[in-house]
Amino acid sequence: MKEGYTGTTADTPKSIMFGAGTIHKGLKYAGGKWNFAESCIGATQKGSKLNIEPDRHTIDVDGALVAVKGLNIKTGEKASMEINLVEVKKDMIKSALIGKEGTSQDNTYDLIESKPRIEANDYFENIAFVGKNLEGKNIIVILDNALCTSGFELEGKNKEEGVLKLKFECHADLTSSLDTLPYHIYYPKTTA
């Protein structure tokens, strides 16, 4: 670190995340390891976007002409992940449509059809982003009870691959306190 020029230190590479990362459905830590290979949903293109944002309300009081510490209240939060899948798979199409499996007359095809209601199994147990820092350590972000809210849109173009753009949003359980979202960020511990 050289004041006035750069904030770079010997520890800087530990905090730089590099690359597109991977997207996982049902990521779990059990038996001393993560199920990365089994939970990866496929290849992406042009990365993914993660957004976790608190909702705030600022209390306006007469005489206060500037922002005042202590007069901001957290009123909720949102957590979402936008992914660009270059692999278009049946379960992701079904999730985007909030659809159901039908019975195909052609036994070489599966059939996905519309349904009238969102059901408990339309929510993924979780959707997760796994990225790496420059030291090769994982940074893991998990959004529980993830529902696809984007719908299904796929554009085919000449001389280009189609990309399925999906947005998943995190939801609280009805049995929770309903004032925080169940997201989890696993950040590598620093060693002295």
Protein backbone atom coordinates (compact mmCIF):
# COMPACT_ATOMS: atom_id res chain seq x y z
CA MET A 1 0.00 0.00 0.00
CA LYS A 2 1.27 3.42 -0.90
CA GLU A 3 -0.96 6.20 0.39
CA GLY A 4 -2.23 8.47 -2.32
CA TYR A 5 -1.27 6.03 -5.10
CA THR A 6 -2.66 2.56 -4.51
CA GLY A 7 -4.45 0.50 -1.91
CA THR A 8 -2.82 -2.70 -3.16
CA THR A 9 -1.21 -4.86 -0.48
CA ALA A 10 0.23 -8.37 -0.31
CA ASP A 11 -3.29 -9.53 0.68
CA THR A 12 -5.03 -7.95 -2.33
CA PRO A 13 -5.15 -11.17 -4.42
CA LYS A 14 -7.07 -12.88 -1.59
CA SER A 15 -9.95 -10.45 -2.14
CA ILE A 16 -10.15 -10.37 -5.95
CA MET A 17 -12.78 -12.60 -7.49
CA PHE A 18 -11.99 -13.59 -11.06
CA GLY A 19 -13.98 -15.44 -13.70
CA ALA A 20 -17.61 -16.24 -14.42
CA GLY A 21 -18.07 -18.73 -11.59
CA THR A 22 -20.54 -21.61 -11.67
CA ILE A 23 -24.26 -21.84 -10.88
CA HIS A 24 -25.66 -24.63 -8.73
CA LYS A 25 -29.10 -25.98 -7.82
CA GLY A 26 -29.35 -27.72 -4.43
CA LEU A 27 -25.78 -26.97 -3.30
CA LYS A 28 -25.04 -28.65 0.04
CA TYR A 29 -22.16 -29.21 2.42
CA ALA A 30 -22.31 -32.72 3.86
CA GLY A 31 -19.74 -35.27 4.94
CA GLY A 32 -17.00 -32.64 4.95
CA LYS A 33 -17.43 -31.59 1.31
CA TRP A 34 -19.62 -29.60 -1.07
CA ASN A 35 -21.61 -31.33 -3.85
CA PHE A 36 -20.28 -29.00 -6.58
CA ALA A 37 -20.22 -31.51 -9.45
CA GLU A 38 -23.68 -32.95 -8.75
CA SER A 39 -25.38 -29.57 -8.31
CA CYS A 40 -23.92 -27.59 -11.25
CA ILE A 41 -26.76 -26.67 -13.63
CA GLY A 42 -24.66 -26.13 -16.74
CA ALA A 43 -22.54 -23.75 -18.75
CA THR A 44 -23.23 -20.02 -18.78
CA GLN A 45 -22.32 -17.28 -21.21
CA LYS A 46 -21.47 -13.67 -20.38
CA GLY A 47 -21.52 -14.39 -16.67
CA SER A 48 -24.18 -14.08 -14.03
CA LYS A 49 -25.39 -11.28 -11.79
CA LEU A 50 -26.08 -11.49 -8.07
CA ASN A 51 -27.99 -8.76 -6.23
CA ILE A 52 -28.71 -8.57 -2.49
CA GLU A 53 -30.21 -5.27 -1.48
CA PRO A 54 -31.78 -4.06 1.77
CA ASP A 55 -34.98 -2.02 1.54
CA ARG A 56 -34.71 1.15 3.61
CA HIS A 57 -37.01 3.90 4.73
CA THR A 58 -35.62 7.29 5.69
CA ILE A 59 -37.60 9.19 8.29
CA ASP A 60 -37.93 12.85 7.37
CA VAL A 61 -37.97 15.24 10.29
CA ASP A 62 -38.54 18.97 10.26
CA GLY A 63 -35.32 20.90 10.54
CA ALA A 64 -33.07 18.11 9.23
CA LEU A 65 -31.63 19.36 5.95
CA VAL A 66 -29.22 16.45 5.50
CA ALA A 67 -29.23 12.68 5.99
CA VAL A 68 -29.25 11.90 9.72
CA LYS A 69 -27.65 8.85 11.33
CA GLY A 70 -30.25 6.77 13.15
CA LEU A 71 -33.20 7.87 11.00
CA ASN A 72 -32.91 5.03 8.49
CA ILE A 73 -34.91 1.86 9.03
CA LYS A 74 -34.43 -1.45 7.27
CA THR A 75 -37.89 -2.43 6.01
CA GLY A 76 -37.05 -5.63 4.17
CA GLU A 77 -34.64 -6.94 1.57
CA LYS A 78 -34.41 -8.51 -1.86
CA ALA A 79 -32.00 -11.17 -3.09
CA SER A 80 -31.84 -12.36 -6.68
CA MET A 81 -29.58 -14.00 -9.23
CA GLU A 82 -29.67 -13.52 -12.99
CA ILE A 83 -28.04 -16.26 -15.02
CA ASN A 84 -27.36 -16.69 -18.73
CA LEU A 85 -27.48 -20.39 -19.53
CA VAL A 86 -26.01 -21.51 -22.82
CA GLU A 87 -27.11 -25.06 -21.95
CA VAL A 88 -30.89 -25.17 -22.36
CA LYS A 89 -32.13 -28.08 -20.24
CA LYS A 90 -35.62 -29.38 -19.55
CA ASP A 91 -35.68 -28.61 -15.81
CA MET A 92 -34.63 -24.99 -16.40
CA ILE A 93 -37.34 -24.50 -19.05
CA LYS A 94 -39.90 -26.00 -16.66
CA SER A 95 -38.71 -23.68 -13.87
CA ALA A 96 -38.85 -20.60 -16.09
CA LEU A 97 -42.41 -21.39 -17.14
CA ILE A 98 -43.52 -22.59 -13.71
CA GLY A 99 -44.76 -25.48 -15.78
CA LYS A 100 -45.50 -29.15 -15.35
CA GLU A 101 -44.54 -32.33 -17.15
CA GLY A 102 -47.17 -33.60 -19.54
CA THR A 103 -47.57 -36.83 -21.46
CA SER A 104 -45.98 -36.71 -24.89
CA GLN A 105 -47.51 -38.61 -27.78
CA ASP A 106 -43.98 -38.89 -29.18
CA ASN A 107 -41.98 -41.14 -26.85
CA THR A 108 -38.71 -39.53 -27.99
CA TYR A 109 -39.71 -36.21 -26.37
CA ASP A 110 -40.63 -35.01 -22.90
CA LEU A 111 -43.51 -32.54 -22.76
CA ILE A 112 -43.67 -29.37 -20.65
CA GLU A 113 -47.05 -27.67 -20.26
CA SER A 114 -48.60 -24.77 -18.39
CA LYS A 115 -50.20 -25.11 -14.98
CA PRO A 116 -52.45 -22.71 -13.05
CA ARG A 117 -50.64 -22.35 -9.69
CA ILE A 118 -47.21 -21.99 -8.13
CA GLU A 119 -46.57 -25.04 -5.96
CA ALA A 120 -44.02 -25.73 -3.22
CA ASN A 121 -41.87 -27.84 -5.58
CA ASP A 122 -41.55 -24.88 -7.99
CA TYR A 123 -39.15 -23.32 -5.49
CA PHE A 124 -35.60 -24.67 -5.65
CA GLU A 125 -34.21 -25.66 -2.25
CA ASN A 126 -31.50 -23.18 -3.22
CA ILE A 127 -29.64 -21.68 -6.14
CA ALA A 128 -26.00 -20.82 -5.63
CA PHE A 129 -23.12 -18.94 -7.20
CA VAL A 130 -19.60 -20.29 -6.69
CA GLY A 131 -16.71 -18.05 -7.68
CA LYS A 132 -12.99 -18.16 -6.95
CA ASN A 133 -10.56 -15.56 -5.69
CA LEU A 134 -7.07 -15.29 -7.16
CA GLU A 135 -5.79 -17.74 -4.53
CA GLY A 136 -8.22 -20.34 -5.88
CA LYS A 137 -10.48 -20.31 -2.81
CA ASN A 138 -14.24 -20.48 -3.31
CA ILE A 139 -16.61 -17.67 -2.50
CA ILE A 140 -20.09 -19.18 -2.25
CA VAL A 141 -23.43 -17.36 -2.25
CA ILE A 142 -26.59 -19.40 -1.67
CA LEU A 143 -30.17 -18.15 -2.07
CA ASP A 144 -32.68 -20.49 -0.42
CA ASN A 145 -36.24 -21.05 -1.65
CA ALA A 146 -35.39 -19.71 -5.11
CA LEU A 147 -38.23 -19.18 -7.56
CA CYS A 148 -37.67 -18.34 -11.23
CA THR A 149 -39.48 -15.03 -11.82
CA SER A 150 -38.25 -14.12 -15.29
CA GLY A 151 -40.35 -16.38 -17.47
CA PHE A 152 -38.99 -18.13 -20.56
CA GLU A 153 -37.27 -16.17 -23.28
CA LEU A 154 -34.86 -17.68 -25.78
CA GLU A 155 -33.70 -15.88 -28.89
CA GLY A 156 -32.23 -17.87 -31.75
CA LYS A 157 -29.96 -15.96 -34.12
CA ASN A 158 -28.06 -16.91 -37.23
CA LYS A 159 -24.46 -17.93 -36.42
CA GLU A 160 -25.04 -17.56 -32.64
CA GLU A 161 -26.03 -19.87 -29.84
CA GLY A 162 -29.27 -19.32 -27.95
CA VAL A 163 -28.94 -18.18 -24.34
CA LEU A 164 -31.65 -18.79 -21.75
CA LYS A 165 -31.78 -15.76 -19.45
CA LEU A 166 -33.28 -16.55 -16.06
CA LYS A 167 -33.83 -14.60 -12.86
CA PHE A 168 -34.28 -16.38 -9.54
CA GLU A 169 -35.47 -14.64 -6.38
CA CYS A 170 -34.92 -15.76 -2.78
CA HIS A 171 -38.01 -16.23 -0.57
CA ALA A 172 -38.50 -16.63 3.17
CA ASP A 173 -40.23 -19.70 4.61
CA LEU A 174 -43.73 -19.11 5.97
CA THR A 175 -42.52 -20.58 9.27
CA SER A 176 -39.71 -17.99 9.61
CA SER A 177 -39.90 -14.56 11.25
CA LEU A 178 -40.63 -13.10 7.76
CA ASP A 179 -38.25 -10.18 8.29
CA THR A 180 -35.06 -11.53 6.70
CA LEU A 181 -34.28 -13.61 3.63
CA PRO A 182 -32.50 -16.96 3.82
CA TYR A 183 -29.33 -16.16 1.89
CA HIS A 184 -25.90 -17.37 2.93
CA ILE A 185 -22.47 -16.06 1.90
CA TYR A 186 -19.49 -18.32 2.58
CA TYR A 187 -16.30 -16.27 2.45
CA PRO A 188 -12.88 -17.90 2.96
CA LYS A 189 -11.34 -17.28 6.36
CA THR A 190 -8.07 -15.40 6.32
CA THR A 191 -5.05 -17.06 7.84
CA ALA A 192 -2.49 -15.16 9.85
